[in-house]
Amino acid sequence: MALVERTDDNGLTILTLNRPDALNALSPSLFVELRAHIDSIAKSTDSIGCVILCGKGRSFSAGNDLKAIQSGEVAPSRHFQAETLDAIEALPQPVIAAVQGHCYTGSLELALACDLLVAADDARFSDTHGKWGMSPTWGMSQRLPRRVGLLKAKEIMFSGRIVGGDEAARIGLANACVPKDQLINHTITMARTFLENSWFTLRADKMLVNKGLNYTLADGLQFERTNSPGRGPDLEERLKNFGR
């Protein structure tokens, strides 16, 4: 049984965490499969324009697999999981997380590595590092403040409280909160609206925004001017079809 299922449909790839009996807990073995898909997708910009990451069953993921840790299961390298999240963030294609049910700690870090997030109305987000006497190494301390702001991120991290889907949308953790039974269809519809536009521009926008965050405003503006890829190969065709 695949721990991460992949489906490809007309430019859209859906990656589904497939351990529903374990609430899609993030074992090292699951990360190995996820990384293989991510590395493959990164090389497939001609055939894949957008990616959705979701979880099978009643939860996106309950987080890091503590039972796997206790059993001695280990990843291929010390920071393999964190580097896999970096690889998701660095994918040329936009990535949307579709989250229902639990999204705790490691799985919240996983969702934060995605560009966008759609939450179901039963989604439950939490950083439980403090519950276990652990500290983040997969990106929580850097990505959460960039997503929701410094004060809100610290409050969520310090308290370990649960953030529901509605609140996630209000504070900017999620783009939208939708009924659970509409989650995947809503996310697919969002992805399809992206795919109608130039895939070249999607990749350029993601690169410029993400890398621009490493600079001050003035340096970021210069970075855009220097590194914008310019006109895409589909420009002429799109101009010819304008107004039709």
Foldseek 3Di string as FASTA:
>chain_A
DQQWDWDADQQEIEIERPPQVQQSADALVNLVSLLVVLVVQLVPLVRHAEYEYAYPDQWRHQYHDVVNVVVPGDHPDDCSLLVSLVSQLPRLHAYEYQTGDEQEARNLLSRLSGPAYEYEQRYKYWYCCVVVVHDDDNQLVPRVCVQQNDVVSVVRNVVRHIDGRVNCCVRRVHVYYHHPVCRVVVVVVVVVVVVVDDSLVNSQVSVLVVVLVVDDPVVSVVCCVVPRPPDDPCVVVVVVVPPD
